[in-house]
C-alpha cells in the first residue's frame, strides 16, 4: 500500500462455501490526503489464483470504503476476465457483498469493544462512510447505519450511535431530532437548541457536507 503508518485495523479473511476468496485488507490510521479527491478510488488489488488482475475496481469495493487498502484473491474467477466483464460479473458482486458485510460487522465489534479507538476511526473516515447512506438502494444500509456515530447537544466531545440515542430517549419521545450546520461549535450554540436543552431532549448535530443529502434519503 506504500503507507508509512501502522494500519488502524488489519482484516484477514478466508471465505469458503458458495463463494471462495481470501482477503487481506487494511484501514489506515491516518486519513489519506486525497480521500475526497473526485478521482480517488480504493487501493484494493484483485488477484485470481494469485495472478494480478486489476486495481481500483469499483465492482469490488464500494466508494464509501475507498480508504481500504490491500488485496483480494479469488480462486473462482477466470484468469482471462477483462475489466469490462468485471462490471457485470455476478461472482464478483457476491464477493463484494461478503467483503462489505465482513468489514461492517468488524467495525461494529470494534465500536463495542474499543470505543476510544473507534471514535478515532470515525473522526477520520466517518464523513466518507456516510456517503453510502446517500445511495438509494444499498443492501447493507441498515448495517451501515449501525456503525455510524454522531455528536449531540449532550455528548460533549464523545460520539453516540443511533441505537444509543434511541435508548436515551425519554418516555413520550417518538422522533429523532437533528440540527444541521457548518461546525459542531456553531451548532452547539445555536439558539434553536435552547428549548431542547431545557427539556433535556437530545439533538443530533450534523456538520458534514454529506449530512445534507443522506438525511433526506433514509
N, C-alpha and C. Protein backbone atom coordinates (compact mmCIF):
# COMPACT_ATOMS: atom_id res chain seq x y z
N UNK A 1 0.82 -1.22 0.00
CA UNK A 1 0.00 0.00 0.00
C UNK A 1 0.85 1.27 0.00
N UNK A 2 2.16 1.13 0.25
CA UNK A 2 3.08 2.28 0.29
C UNK A 2 2.70 3.27 1.39
N UNK A 3 2.08 2.80 2.45
CA UNK A 3 1.70 3.67 3.55
C UNK A 3 2.74 3.57 4.66
N UNK A 4 3.22 4.69 5.15
CA UNK A 4 4.27 4.64 6.18
C UNK A 4 3.73 4.37 7.58
N UNK A 5 2.42 4.54 7.78
CA UNK A 5 1.87 4.41 9.13
C UNK A 5 1.45 2.96 9.41
N UNK A 6 1.27 2.67 10.69
CA UNK A 6 0.78 1.36 11.10
C UNK A 6 -0.72 1.33 10.87
N UNK A 7 -1.25 0.27 10.26
CA UNK A 7 -2.70 0.21 10.00
C UNK A 7 -3.52 0.32 11.29
N UNK A 8 -4.63 1.02 11.21
CA UNK A 8 -5.54 1.09 12.35
C UNK A 8 -6.21 -0.26 12.57
N UNK A 9 -6.48 -0.96 11.48
CA UNK A 9 -7.11 -2.27 11.57
C UNK A 9 -6.61 -3.14 10.43
N UNK A 10 -6.28 -4.38 10.74
CA UNK A 10 -5.91 -5.38 9.74
C UNK A 10 -6.96 -6.48 9.75
N UNK A 11 -7.50 -6.76 8.58
CA UNK A 11 -8.57 -7.75 8.47
C UNK A 11 -8.16 -8.83 7.49
N UNK A 12 -7.86 -10.01 8.01
CA UNK A 12 -7.51 -11.16 7.17
C UNK A 12 -8.67 -12.14 7.21
N UNK A 13 -9.23 -12.44 6.03
CA UNK A 13 -10.45 -13.26 5.99
C UNK A 13 -10.37 -14.26 4.84
N UNK A 14 -10.72 -15.49 5.13
CA UNK A 14 -10.78 -16.53 4.10
C UNK A 14 -12.21 -17.05 4.05
N UNK A 15 -12.89 -16.77 2.95
CA UNK A 15 -14.29 -17.19 2.79
C UNK A 15 -14.34 -18.52 2.05
N UNK A 16 -15.15 -19.43 2.57
CA UNK A 16 -15.32 -20.73 1.94
C UNK A 16 -16.80 -21.03 1.81
N UNK A 17 -17.13 -21.85 0.83
CA UNK A 17 -18.53 -22.18 0.60
C UNK A 17 -18.93 -21.84 -0.82
N UNK A 18 -20.10 -21.18 -0.95
CA UNK A 18 -20.59 -20.82 -2.28
C UNK A 18 -19.64 -19.86 -2.99
N UNK A 19 -19.03 -18.97 -2.21
CA UNK A 19 -18.06 -18.02 -2.74
C UNK A 19 -16.77 -18.19 -1.96
N UNK A 20 -15.68 -18.43 -2.67
CA UNK A 20 -14.39 -18.63 -2.01
C UNK A 20 -13.40 -17.56 -2.45
N UNK A 21 -12.79 -16.94 -1.46
CA UNK A 21 -11.76 -15.93 -1.73
C UNK A 21 -10.99 -15.69 -0.44
N UNK A 22 -9.84 -15.10 -0.59
CA UNK A 22 -9.02 -14.70 0.55
C UNK A 22 -8.77 -13.20 0.44
N UNK A 23 -8.93 -12.50 1.55
CA UNK A 23 -8.69 -11.06 1.54
C UNK A 23 -7.76 -10.67 2.68
N UNK A 24 -6.91 -9.71 2.40
CA UNK A 24 -6.05 -9.10 3.41
C UNK A 24 -6.20 -7.60 3.24
N UNK A 25 -6.96 -6.98 4.13
CA UNK A 25 -7.34 -5.57 3.98
C UNK A 25 -6.87 -4.76 5.18
N UNK A 26 -6.57 -3.50 4.90
CA UNK A 26 -6.09 -2.58 5.93
C UNK A 26 -6.94 -1.32 5.93
N UNK A 27 -7.20 -0.83 7.13
CA UNK A 27 -7.73 0.53 7.31
C UNK A 27 -6.58 1.36 7.85
N UNK A 28 -6.18 2.41 7.14
CA UNK A 28 -5.04 3.21 7.62
C UNK A 28 -5.37 3.95 8.90
N UNK A 29 -4.35 4.28 9.64
CA UNK A 29 -4.56 5.01 10.90
C UNK A 29 -4.70 6.51 10.66
N UNK A 30 -4.28 6.98 9.49
CA UNK A 30 -4.39 8.41 9.16
C UNK A 30 -5.19 8.58 7.88
N UNK A 31 -5.92 9.67 7.80
CA UNK A 31 -6.74 9.95 6.63
C UNK A 31 -5.85 10.23 5.42
N UNK A 32 -6.02 9.52 4.31
CA UNK A 32 -5.24 9.82 3.10
C UNK A 32 -5.50 11.25 2.62
N UNK A 33 -4.47 11.87 2.08
CA UNK A 33 -4.59 13.28 1.68
C UNK A 33 -5.60 13.47 0.56
N UNK A 34 -5.82 12.42 -0.26
CA UNK A 34 -6.72 12.56 -1.40
C UNK A 34 -8.04 11.82 -1.19
N UNK A 35 -8.43 11.63 0.05
CA UNK A 35 -9.63 10.85 0.35
C UNK A 35 -10.86 11.39 -0.35
N UNK A 36 -10.96 12.72 -0.46
CA UNK A 36 -12.15 13.32 -1.08
C UNK A 36 -11.86 13.85 -2.48
N UNK A 37 -10.75 13.42 -3.04
CA UNK A 37 -10.47 13.79 -4.43
C UNK A 37 -11.46 13.07 -5.34
N UNK A 38 -12.06 13.76 -6.31
CA UNK A 38 -13.09 13.13 -7.14
C UNK A 38 -12.63 11.91 -7.93
N UNK A 39 -11.33 11.81 -8.19
CA UNK A 39 -10.83 10.68 -8.96
C UNK A 39 -10.31 9.54 -8.09
N UNK A 40 -10.35 9.71 -6.77
CA UNK A 40 -9.80 8.66 -5.91
C UNK A 40 -10.70 7.43 -5.90
N UNK A 41 -10.09 6.27 -5.98
CA UNK A 41 -10.78 5.00 -5.84
C UNK A 41 -10.06 4.18 -4.78
N UNK A 42 -10.58 3.00 -4.51
CA UNK A 42 -9.96 2.18 -3.47
C UNK A 42 -8.59 1.71 -3.93
N UNK A 43 -7.76 1.34 -2.98
CA UNK A 43 -6.43 0.83 -3.26
C UNK A 43 -6.38 -0.69 -3.02
N UNK A 44 -7.47 -1.36 -3.35
CA UNK A 44 -7.55 -2.80 -3.16
C UNK A 44 -7.28 -3.48 -4.50
N UNK A 45 -6.31 -4.38 -4.52
CA UNK A 45 -5.92 -5.08 -5.74
C UNK A 45 -6.66 -6.42 -5.83
N UNK A 46 -7.12 -6.74 -7.02
CA UNK A 46 -7.81 -8.00 -7.26
C UNK A 46 -6.87 -8.98 -7.94
N UNK A 47 -6.79 -10.19 -7.36
CA UNK A 47 -5.99 -11.28 -7.92
C UNK A 47 -6.91 -12.47 -8.21
N UNK A 48 -6.55 -13.25 -9.20
CA UNK A 48 -7.21 -14.52 -9.47
C UNK A 48 -6.13 -15.59 -9.47
N UNK A 49 -6.26 -16.52 -8.52
CA UNK A 49 -5.25 -17.58 -8.35
C UNK A 49 -3.85 -16.98 -8.24
N UNK A 50 -3.75 -15.87 -7.48
CA UNK A 50 -2.50 -15.16 -7.20
C UNK A 50 -1.92 -14.44 -8.42
N UNK A 51 -2.70 -14.30 -9.45
CA UNK A 51 -2.30 -13.53 -10.63
C UNK A 51 -2.99 -12.18 -10.59
N UNK A 52 -2.22 -11.10 -10.64
CA UNK A 52 -2.79 -9.76 -10.54
C UNK A 52 -3.70 -9.48 -11.74
N UNK A 53 -4.92 -8.97 -11.43
CA UNK A 53 -5.89 -8.66 -12.48
C UNK A 53 -6.07 -7.15 -12.63
N UNK A 54 -6.38 -6.49 -11.53
CA UNK A 54 -6.65 -5.05 -11.63
C UNK A 54 -6.61 -4.40 -10.25
N UNK A 55 -6.53 -3.08 -10.26
CA UNK A 55 -6.63 -2.27 -9.05
C UNK A 55 -7.70 -1.21 -9.30
N UNK A 56 -8.22 -0.63 -8.25
CA UNK A 56 -9.24 0.41 -8.37
C UNK A 56 -10.51 -0.11 -9.04
N UNK A 57 -10.89 -1.34 -8.74
CA UNK A 57 -12.09 -1.91 -9.35
C UNK A 57 -13.32 -1.55 -8.50
N UNK A 58 -14.18 -0.71 -9.06
CA UNK A 58 -15.35 -0.22 -8.31
C UNK A 58 -16.37 -1.31 -8.04
N UNK A 59 -16.31 -2.41 -8.80
CA UNK A 59 -17.25 -3.51 -8.57
C UNK A 59 -16.86 -4.35 -7.37
N UNK A 60 -15.68 -4.11 -6.82
CA UNK A 60 -15.19 -4.91 -5.69
C UNK A 60 -15.35 -4.19 -4.36
N UNK A 61 -15.06 -2.90 -4.32
CA UNK A 61 -15.15 -2.12 -3.09
C UNK A 61 -16.02 -0.90 -3.35
N UNK A 62 -17.08 -0.67 -2.57
CA UNK A 62 -17.94 0.49 -2.80
C UNK A 62 -17.20 1.80 -2.52
N UNK A 63 -17.61 2.88 -3.16
CA UNK A 63 -16.91 4.17 -3.00
C UNK A 63 -16.79 4.63 -1.55
N UNK A 64 -17.77 4.32 -0.71
CA UNK A 64 -17.72 4.82 0.67
C UNK A 64 -16.69 4.07 1.53
N UNK A 65 -16.08 3.02 0.96
CA UNK A 65 -14.99 2.30 1.64
C UNK A 65 -13.68 2.47 0.88
N UNK A 66 -13.54 3.56 0.15
CA UNK A 66 -12.38 3.75 -0.71
C UNK A 66 -11.08 3.99 0.06
N UNK A 67 -11.15 4.13 1.37
CA UNK A 67 -9.93 4.26 2.16
C UNK A 67 -9.26 2.91 2.41
N UNK A 68 -9.94 1.81 2.07
CA UNK A 68 -9.36 0.48 2.27
C UNK A 68 -8.16 0.26 1.37
N UNK A 69 -7.21 -0.51 1.88
CA UNK A 69 -6.04 -0.91 1.12
C UNK A 69 -5.85 -2.41 1.30
N UNK A 70 -5.23 -3.06 0.32
CA UNK A 70 -4.97 -4.48 0.49
C UNK A 70 -5.18 -5.28 -0.77
N UNK A 71 -5.43 -6.57 -0.61
CA UNK A 71 -5.58 -7.48 -1.75
C UNK A 71 -6.75 -8.43 -1.51
N UNK A 72 -7.35 -8.85 -2.62
CA UNK A 72 -8.39 -9.89 -2.62
C UNK A 72 -7.99 -10.90 -3.68
N UNK A 73 -7.95 -12.16 -3.30
CA UNK A 73 -7.55 -13.22 -4.22
C UNK A 73 -8.68 -14.24 -4.34
N UNK A 74 -9.17 -14.45 -5.58
CA UNK A 74 -10.26 -15.38 -5.82
C UNK A 74 -9.77 -16.61 -6.56
N UNK A 75 -10.29 -17.76 -6.17
CA UNK A 75 -9.97 -19.00 -6.87
C UNK A 75 -11.00 -19.30 -7.96
N UNK A 76 -12.13 -18.60 -7.94
CA UNK A 76 -13.25 -18.96 -8.81
C UNK A 76 -13.35 -18.12 -10.07
N UNK A 77 -12.88 -16.87 -10.03
CA UNK A 77 -12.95 -16.03 -11.21
C UNK A 77 -12.02 -16.56 -12.30
N UNK A 78 -12.39 -16.44 -13.58
CA UNK A 78 -11.50 -16.91 -14.66
C UNK A 78 -10.29 -15.99 -14.82
N UNK A 79 -9.17 -16.57 -15.16
CA UNK A 79 -7.94 -15.79 -15.30
C UNK A 79 -8.01 -14.82 -16.47
N UNK A 80 -8.80 -15.13 -17.48
CA UNK A 80 -8.87 -14.28 -18.66
C UNK A 80 -9.96 -13.21 -18.55
N UNK A 81 -10.46 -12.97 -17.35
CA UNK A 81 -11.52 -11.99 -17.19
C UNK A 81 -10.98 -10.59 -17.50
N UNK A 82 -11.81 -9.78 -18.13
CA UNK A 82 -11.40 -8.43 -18.51
C UNK A 82 -12.06 -7.41 -17.60
N UNK A 83 -11.55 -6.19 -17.63
CA UNK A 83 -12.12 -5.14 -16.80
C UNK A 83 -13.57 -4.85 -17.20
N UNK A 84 -13.88 -5.04 -18.49
CA UNK A 84 -15.23 -4.78 -18.96
C UNK A 84 -16.22 -5.81 -18.39
N UNK A 85 -15.82 -7.08 -18.41
CA UNK A 85 -16.72 -8.12 -17.92
C UNK A 85 -16.79 -8.14 -16.39
N UNK A 86 -15.81 -7.55 -15.73
CA UNK A 86 -15.87 -7.47 -14.26
C UNK A 86 -17.08 -6.68 -13.79
N UNK A 87 -17.47 -5.66 -14.55
CA UNK A 87 -18.55 -4.77 -14.14
C UNK A 87 -19.86 -5.52 -13.92
N UNK A 88 -20.09 -6.58 -14.70
CA UNK A 88 -21.37 -7.30 -14.62
C UNK A 88 -21.19 -8.75 -14.16
N UNK A 89 -20.10 -9.02 -13.50
CA UNK A 89 -19.83 -10.38 -13.06
C UNK A 89 -20.55 -10.67 -11.74
N UNK A 90 -21.43 -11.67 -11.75
CA UNK A 90 -22.23 -11.98 -10.57
C UNK A 90 -21.38 -12.51 -9.41
N UNK A 91 -20.33 -13.26 -9.73
CA UNK A 91 -19.46 -13.79 -8.68
C UNK A 91 -18.73 -12.66 -7.97
N UNK A 92 -18.26 -11.69 -8.74
CA UNK A 92 -17.58 -10.55 -8.14
C UNK A 92 -18.54 -9.76 -7.26
N UNK A 93 -19.80 -9.67 -7.69
CA UNK A 93 -20.81 -8.97 -6.89
C UNK A 93 -21.01 -9.68 -5.55
N UNK A 94 -21.01 -11.00 -5.55
CA UNK A 94 -21.16 -11.75 -4.30
C UNK A 94 -19.94 -11.57 -3.39
N UNK A 95 -18.75 -11.54 -4.01
CA UNK A 95 -17.54 -11.30 -3.22
C UNK A 95 -17.60 -9.93 -2.57
N UNK A 96 -18.05 -8.93 -3.32
CA UNK A 96 -18.19 -7.58 -2.80
C UNK A 96 -19.14 -7.55 -1.61
N UNK A 97 -20.30 -8.18 -1.75
CA UNK A 97 -21.27 -8.21 -0.65
C UNK A 97 -20.69 -8.86 0.59
N UNK A 98 -19.95 -9.94 0.38
CA UNK A 98 -19.34 -10.66 1.51
C UNK A 98 -18.28 -9.80 2.20
N UNK A 99 -17.46 -9.11 1.41
CA UNK A 99 -16.41 -8.26 1.98
C UNK A 99 -17.02 -7.12 2.77
N UNK A 100 -18.02 -6.45 2.19
CA UNK A 100 -18.65 -5.31 2.86
C UNK A 100 -19.30 -5.76 4.17
N UNK A 101 -20.00 -6.89 4.14
CA UNK A 101 -20.64 -7.41 5.34
C UNK A 101 -19.62 -7.70 6.43
N UNK A 102 -18.47 -8.29 6.03
CA UNK A 102 -17.44 -8.62 6.99
C UNK A 102 -16.82 -7.36 7.59
N UNK A 103 -16.57 -6.36 6.76
CA UNK A 103 -15.96 -5.11 7.24
C UNK A 103 -16.89 -4.41 8.21
N UNK A 104 -18.16 -4.30 7.86
CA UNK A 104 -19.11 -3.59 8.73
C UNK A 104 -19.32 -4.32 10.05
N UNK A 105 -19.35 -5.65 10.02
CA UNK A 105 -19.50 -6.40 11.27
C UNK A 105 -18.26 -6.26 12.14
N UNK A 106 -17.07 -6.18 11.51
CA UNK A 106 -15.83 -5.98 12.27
C UNK A 106 -15.80 -4.60 12.89
N UNK A 107 -16.25 -3.59 12.15
CA UNK A 107 -16.31 -2.23 12.69
C UNK A 107 -17.30 -2.14 13.85
N UNK A 108 -18.41 -2.85 13.74
CA UNK A 108 -19.39 -2.85 14.83
C UNK A 108 -18.79 -3.45 16.10
N UNK A 109 -18.05 -4.55 15.94
CA UNK A 109 -17.39 -5.17 17.09
C UNK A 109 -16.33 -4.24 17.68
N UNK A 110 -15.60 -3.54 16.81
CA UNK A 110 -14.57 -2.61 17.28
C UNK A 110 -15.19 -1.49 18.10
N UNK A 111 -16.32 -0.96 17.63
CA UNK A 111 -17.00 0.11 18.35
C UNK A 111 -17.49 -0.37 19.72
N UNK A 112 -17.89 -1.62 19.79
CA UNK A 112 -18.39 -2.19 21.04
C UNK A 112 -17.27 -2.46 22.03
N UNK A 113 -16.13 -2.95 21.53
CA UNK A 113 -15.06 -3.41 22.41
C UNK A 113 -13.98 -2.37 22.68
N UNK A 114 -13.85 -1.38 21.81
CA UNK A 114 -12.81 -0.36 21.99
C UNK A 114 -13.34 0.97 21.47
N UNK A 115 -14.18 1.59 22.27
CA UNK A 115 -14.88 2.79 21.84
C UNK A 115 -13.92 3.94 21.53
N UNK A 116 -12.88 4.09 22.32
CA UNK A 116 -11.93 5.19 22.12
C UNK A 116 -11.26 5.08 20.75
N UNK A 117 -10.81 3.89 20.41
CA UNK A 117 -10.16 3.69 19.11
C UNK A 117 -11.15 3.87 17.97
N UNK A 118 -12.38 3.41 18.19
CA UNK A 118 -13.37 3.55 17.12
C UNK A 118 -13.69 5.01 16.86
N UNK A 119 -13.73 5.83 17.89
CA UNK A 119 -14.01 7.25 17.69
C UNK A 119 -12.87 7.92 16.92
N UNK A 120 -11.64 7.42 17.09
CA UNK A 120 -10.53 7.94 16.28
C UNK A 120 -10.76 7.61 14.81
N UNK A 121 -11.19 6.38 14.55
CA UNK A 121 -11.51 5.99 13.18
C UNK A 121 -12.63 6.85 12.61
N UNK A 122 -13.68 7.06 13.39
CA UNK A 122 -14.83 7.80 12.90
C UNK A 122 -14.47 9.27 12.63
N UNK A 123 -13.59 9.84 13.42
CA UNK A 123 -13.14 11.21 13.17
C UNK A 123 -12.47 11.32 11.81
N UNK A 124 -11.77 10.27 11.40
CA UNK A 124 -11.04 10.30 10.14
C UNK A 124 -11.91 9.91 8.95
N UNK A 125 -12.77 8.92 9.14
CA UNK A 125 -13.46 8.33 7.99
C UNK A 125 -14.99 8.35 8.08
N UNK A 126 -15.53 8.97 9.11
CA UNK A 126 -16.98 8.98 9.26
C UNK A 126 -17.69 9.68 8.12
N UNK A 127 -17.12 10.79 7.64
CA UNK A 127 -17.80 11.54 6.59
C UNK A 127 -17.89 10.74 5.29
N UNK A 128 -16.82 10.05 4.95
CA UNK A 128 -16.86 9.25 3.72
C UNK A 128 -17.74 8.02 3.89
N UNK A 129 -17.79 7.45 5.09
CA UNK A 129 -18.67 6.31 5.34
C UNK A 129 -20.13 6.69 5.13
N UNK A 130 -20.50 7.90 5.54
CA UNK A 130 -21.89 8.34 5.42
C UNK A 130 -22.30 8.57 3.97
N UNK A 131 -21.33 8.61 3.06
CA UNK A 131 -21.69 8.72 1.64
C UNK A 131 -22.50 7.50 1.20
N UNK A 132 -22.25 6.35 1.84
CA UNK A 132 -23.00 5.15 1.50
C UNK A 132 -24.48 5.29 1.80
N UNK A 133 -24.82 6.13 2.78
CA UNK A 133 -26.22 6.33 3.13
C UNK A 133 -26.97 7.12 2.05
N UNK A 134 -26.22 7.79 1.17
CA UNK A 134 -26.84 8.60 0.11
C UNK A 134 -27.31 7.75 -1.06
N UNK A 135 -26.86 6.52 -1.13
CA UNK A 135 -27.26 5.65 -2.22
C UNK A 135 -28.68 5.17 -2.00
N UNK A 136 -29.48 5.24 -3.06
CA UNK A 136 -30.90 4.91 -2.93
C UNK A 136 -31.13 3.47 -2.51
N UNK A 137 -30.51 2.53 -3.20
CA UNK A 137 -30.67 1.11 -2.90
C UNK A 137 -29.32 0.55 -2.47
N UNK A 138 -29.24 0.18 -1.21
CA UNK A 138 -27.99 -0.36 -0.66
C UNK A 138 -28.35 -1.51 0.26
N UNK A 139 -28.00 -2.75 -0.10
CA UNK A 139 -28.42 -3.90 0.71
C UNK A 139 -27.96 -3.81 2.16
N UNK A 140 -26.79 -3.19 2.37
CA UNK A 140 -26.23 -3.15 3.73
C UNK A 140 -26.51 -1.85 4.45
N UNK A 141 -27.53 -1.08 4.00
CA UNK A 141 -27.74 0.24 4.58
C UNK A 141 -28.03 0.17 6.08
N UNK A 142 -28.84 -0.78 6.51
CA UNK A 142 -29.14 -0.91 7.94
C UNK A 142 -27.87 -1.24 8.72
N UNK A 143 -27.04 -2.11 8.17
CA UNK A 143 -25.79 -2.47 8.82
C UNK A 143 -24.85 -1.28 8.86
N UNK A 144 -24.85 -0.47 7.81
CA UNK A 144 -24.02 0.73 7.77
C UNK A 144 -24.48 1.74 8.82
N UNK A 145 -25.79 1.91 8.98
CA UNK A 145 -26.30 2.83 9.99
C UNK A 145 -25.87 2.43 11.39
N UNK A 146 -25.72 1.14 11.63
CA UNK A 146 -25.32 0.67 12.96
C UNK A 146 -23.92 1.11 13.35
N UNK A 147 -23.06 1.37 12.36
CA UNK A 147 -21.69 1.77 12.68
C UNK A 147 -21.48 3.28 12.51
N UNK A 148 -22.56 4.01 12.24
CA UNK A 148 -22.49 5.47 12.14
C UNK A 148 -22.64 6.08 13.54
N UNK A 149 -21.77 7.03 13.85
CA UNK A 149 -21.78 7.67 15.17
C UNK A 149 -21.90 9.19 15.00
N UNK A 150 -22.48 9.82 16.02
CA UNK A 150 -22.80 11.24 15.91
C UNK A 150 -22.53 11.96 17.23
N UNK A 151 -22.28 13.24 17.12
CA UNK A 151 -22.23 14.10 18.30
C UNK A 151 -23.60 14.71 18.53
N UNK A 152 -23.89 15.01 19.78
CA UNK A 152 -25.19 15.59 20.13
C UNK A 152 -24.99 16.76 21.08
N UNK A 153 -26.07 17.41 21.40
CA UNK A 153 -26.00 18.53 22.35
C UNK A 153 -25.70 18.06 23.77
N UNK A 154 -25.72 16.74 24.01
CA UNK A 154 -25.46 16.21 25.34
C UNK A 154 -24.21 15.33 25.40
N UNK A 155 -23.60 15.05 24.25
CA UNK A 155 -22.49 14.08 24.23
C UNK A 155 -21.12 14.71 24.46
N UNK A 156 -21.03 16.04 24.41
CA UNK A 156 -19.74 16.69 24.59
C UNK A 156 -18.80 16.35 23.44
N UNK A 157 -17.59 15.90 23.78
CA UNK A 157 -16.61 15.54 22.76
C UNK A 157 -16.76 14.11 22.28
N UNK A 158 -17.70 13.38 22.85
CA UNK A 158 -17.87 11.97 22.51
C UNK A 158 -18.93 11.80 21.41
N UNK A 159 -19.02 10.57 20.92
CA UNK A 159 -20.00 10.21 19.91
C UNK A 159 -21.00 9.22 20.48
N UNK A 160 -22.17 9.14 19.86
CA UNK A 160 -23.13 8.09 20.20
C UNK A 160 -23.69 7.50 18.92
N UNK A 161 -24.16 6.28 19.01
CA UNK A 161 -24.79 5.63 17.87
C UNK A 161 -26.29 5.94 17.87
N UNK A 162 -26.96 5.60 16.79
CA UNK A 162 -28.41 5.81 16.74
C UNK A 162 -29.12 4.91 17.75
N UNK A 163 -28.61 3.69 17.94
CA UNK A 163 -29.20 2.80 18.94
C UNK A 163 -29.09 3.41 20.34
N UNK A 164 -27.97 4.03 20.63
CA UNK A 164 -27.79 4.67 21.95
C UNK A 164 -28.69 5.89 22.07
N UNK A 165 -28.85 6.64 20.99
CA UNK A 165 -29.75 7.78 21.02
C UNK A 165 -31.17 7.33 21.35
N UNK A 166 -31.61 6.28 20.67
CA UNK A 166 -32.97 5.78 20.90
C UNK A 166 -33.12 5.26 22.33
N UNK A 167 -32.08 4.59 22.84
CA UNK A 167 -32.13 4.08 24.21
C UNK A 167 -32.20 5.21 25.22
N UNK A 168 -31.64 6.38 24.88
CA UNK A 168 -31.64 7.52 25.79
C UNK A 168 -32.93 8.35 25.72
N UNK A 169 -33.77 8.07 24.74
CA UNK A 169 -34.99 8.87 24.57
C UNK A 169 -35.92 8.72 25.77
N UNK A 170 -36.41 9.83 26.30
CA UNK A 170 -37.35 9.74 27.43
C UNK A 170 -38.71 9.22 26.98
N UNK A 171 -39.49 8.79 27.94
CA UNK A 171 -40.85 8.31 27.63
C UNK A 171 -41.64 9.43 26.95
N UNK A 172 -42.30 9.07 25.90
CA UNK A 172 -43.11 10.06 25.18
C UNK A 172 -42.45 10.63 23.94
N UNK A 173 -41.12 10.50 23.84
CA UNK A 173 -40.44 10.99 22.64
C UNK A 173 -40.52 9.93 21.56
N UNK A 174 -41.04 10.30 20.41
CA UNK A 174 -41.21 9.35 19.32
C UNK A 174 -40.35 9.68 18.11
N UNK A 175 -39.74 10.86 18.09
CA UNK A 175 -38.97 11.30 16.92
C UNK A 175 -37.50 11.47 17.27
N UNK A 176 -36.66 11.36 16.25
CA UNK A 176 -35.24 11.66 16.39
C UNK A 176 -35.02 13.09 15.91
N UNK A 177 -34.43 13.92 16.75
CA UNK A 177 -34.23 15.32 16.42
C UNK A 177 -32.78 15.55 15.99
N UNK A 178 -32.62 16.37 14.96
CA UNK A 178 -31.27 16.69 14.48
C UNK A 178 -31.21 18.14 14.04
N UNK A 179 -29.99 18.66 13.98
CA UNK A 179 -29.77 20.04 13.58
C UNK A 179 -28.57 20.08 12.65
N UNK A 180 -28.73 20.71 11.50
CA UNK A 180 -27.65 20.82 10.51
C UNK A 180 -26.95 22.17 10.64
N UNK A 181 -25.65 22.17 10.34
CA UNK A 181 -24.89 23.41 10.36
C UNK A 181 -23.49 23.21 9.81
N UNK A 182 -22.68 24.25 9.92
CA UNK A 182 -21.34 24.17 9.33
C UNK A 182 -20.29 23.59 10.27
N UNK A 183 -20.41 23.82 11.57
CA UNK A 183 -19.46 23.27 12.54
C UNK A 183 -20.21 22.85 13.80
N UNK A 184 -19.60 21.92 14.53
CA UNK A 184 -20.21 21.47 15.78
C UNK A 184 -20.26 22.61 16.79
N UNK A 185 -19.24 23.46 16.80
CA UNK A 185 -19.19 24.58 17.75
C UNK A 185 -20.37 25.53 17.51
N UNK A 186 -20.62 25.85 16.25
CA UNK A 186 -21.74 26.74 15.94
C UNK A 186 -23.08 26.10 16.23
N UNK A 187 -23.17 24.81 15.97
CA UNK A 187 -24.43 24.11 16.24
C UNK A 187 -24.71 24.06 17.74
N UNK A 188 -23.66 23.86 18.53
CA UNK A 188 -23.84 23.75 19.99
C UNK A 188 -24.35 25.05 20.61
N UNK A 189 -24.06 26.17 19.96
CA UNK A 189 -24.51 27.47 20.49
C UNK A 189 -25.72 28.00 19.75
N UNK A 190 -26.33 27.18 18.92
CA UNK A 190 -27.49 27.61 18.14
C UNK A 190 -28.68 27.85 19.06
N UNK A 191 -29.33 29.01 18.95
CA UNK A 191 -30.50 29.30 19.81
C UNK A 191 -31.62 28.28 19.67
N UNK A 192 -31.69 27.59 18.54
CA UNK A 192 -32.75 26.61 18.34
C UNK A 192 -32.65 25.45 19.34
N UNK A 193 -31.47 25.28 19.96
CA UNK A 193 -31.29 24.18 20.92
C UNK A 193 -31.80 24.53 22.31
N UNK A 194 -32.05 25.80 22.59
CA UNK A 194 -32.39 26.20 23.96
C UNK A 194 -33.59 25.45 24.50
N UNK A 195 -34.63 25.34 23.71
CA UNK A 195 -35.83 24.65 24.18
C UNK A 195 -35.59 23.18 24.43
N UNK A 196 -34.78 22.56 23.57
CA UNK A 196 -34.47 21.14 23.74
C UNK A 196 -33.61 20.91 24.98
N UNK A 197 -32.65 21.83 25.21
CA UNK A 197 -31.80 21.70 26.40
C UNK A 197 -32.61 21.83 27.68
N UNK A 198 -33.55 22.75 27.69
CA UNK A 198 -34.38 22.94 28.88
C UNK A 198 -35.23 21.71 29.18
N UNK A 199 -35.66 21.04 28.13
CA UNK A 199 -36.49 19.84 28.31
C UNK A 199 -35.66 18.56 28.35
N UNK A 200 -34.33 18.73 28.35
CA UNK A 200 -33.40 17.60 28.44
C UNK A 200 -33.61 16.61 27.29
N UNK A 201 -33.82 17.14 26.09
CA UNK A 201 -34.01 16.32 24.89
C UNK A 201 -32.73 16.36 24.07
N UNK A 202 -32.27 15.19 23.68
CA UNK A 202 -31.03 15.09 22.93
C UNK A 202 -31.27 15.38 21.45
N UNK A 203 -30.35 16.14 20.86
CA UNK A 203 -30.43 16.51 19.45
C UNK A 203 -29.12 16.13 18.77
N UNK A 204 -29.21 15.41 17.66
CA UNK A 204 -28.02 15.03 16.89
C UNK A 204 -27.53 16.24 16.11
N UNK A 205 -26.22 16.49 16.17
CA UNK A 205 -25.62 17.64 15.49
C UNK A 205 -24.89 17.15 14.25
N UNK A 206 -25.27 17.69 13.10
CA UNK A 206 -24.73 17.24 11.82
C UNK A 206 -24.00 18.39 11.14
N UNK A 207 -22.68 18.22 10.93
CA UNK A 207 -21.88 19.31 10.37
C UNK A 207 -21.11 18.91 9.11
N UNK A 208 -21.20 17.65 8.68
CA UNK A 208 -20.51 17.23 7.46
C UNK A 208 -21.34 17.59 6.23
N UNK A 209 -20.65 17.85 5.12
CA UNK A 209 -21.36 18.22 3.89
C UNK A 209 -22.34 17.14 3.45
N UNK A 210 -21.97 15.88 3.64
CA UNK A 210 -22.81 14.79 3.18
C UNK A 210 -24.10 14.67 3.98
N UNK A 211 -24.14 15.27 5.17
CA UNK A 211 -25.32 15.17 6.02
C UNK A 211 -26.56 15.80 5.38
N UNK A 212 -26.35 16.81 4.54
CA UNK A 212 -27.47 17.46 3.89
C UNK A 212 -28.19 16.54 2.93
N UNK A 213 -27.52 15.47 2.49
CA UNK A 213 -28.10 14.61 1.48
C UNK A 213 -28.72 13.35 2.08
N UNK A 214 -27.97 12.65 2.94
CA UNK A 214 -28.45 11.35 3.37
C UNK A 214 -29.68 11.42 4.27
N UNK A 215 -29.81 12.50 5.04
CA UNK A 215 -30.97 12.60 5.94
C UNK A 215 -32.28 12.73 5.16
N UNK A 216 -32.20 13.10 3.87
CA UNK A 216 -33.40 13.19 3.06
C UNK A 216 -33.70 11.90 2.29
N UNK A 217 -32.81 10.91 2.46
CA UNK A 217 -32.97 9.64 1.75
C UNK A 217 -33.36 8.51 2.68
N UNK A 218 -32.82 8.53 3.89
CA UNK A 218 -33.07 7.44 4.84
C UNK A 218 -34.56 7.28 5.13
